[in-house]
Amino acid sequence: MKIPTTLMINREDWDVVSEPTDSRWGRASYDGHEIGINSELSPRQKFTTLCHELMHLFLFEAGAEIDEKLVNTNVEGLCNAIGNQLASFLEDNCEWQEEIDTTMREYLKEKK
């Protein structure tokens, strides 16, 4: 699965970069609007990592990820669990992509 180079999250552009990192699989820079994915991972690991980092961003945008101590404990486990489930769901249902694209285009036309 190809990893996108940009994403729109809460109406803001975020860059997704492939990079050699330390022992981490990925990172999210909230101030820099950037998601970094370890370039040495397999394609499946990159996709799962992207989903994991998206969970961090969703929690951050919702105001739920404030305490750095929680990032390394409860929040990290939550992002792993939900991110892995999201990755599996999207992979198992990728044939929906065309239908979802069509539905979203129609929705966006109606919003204008």
Foldseek 3Di string as FASTA:
>chain_A
DDDDQWDQDPNDIAGEEEDADDPDQWDQDPVRSYIYGHNPDDPLSRQLVVLLRVQVVVCVVVVNPDDPVCCVPVSSVVSNVRSVVVSVVCVVPVVCVVVVVVVVVVVVVVVD
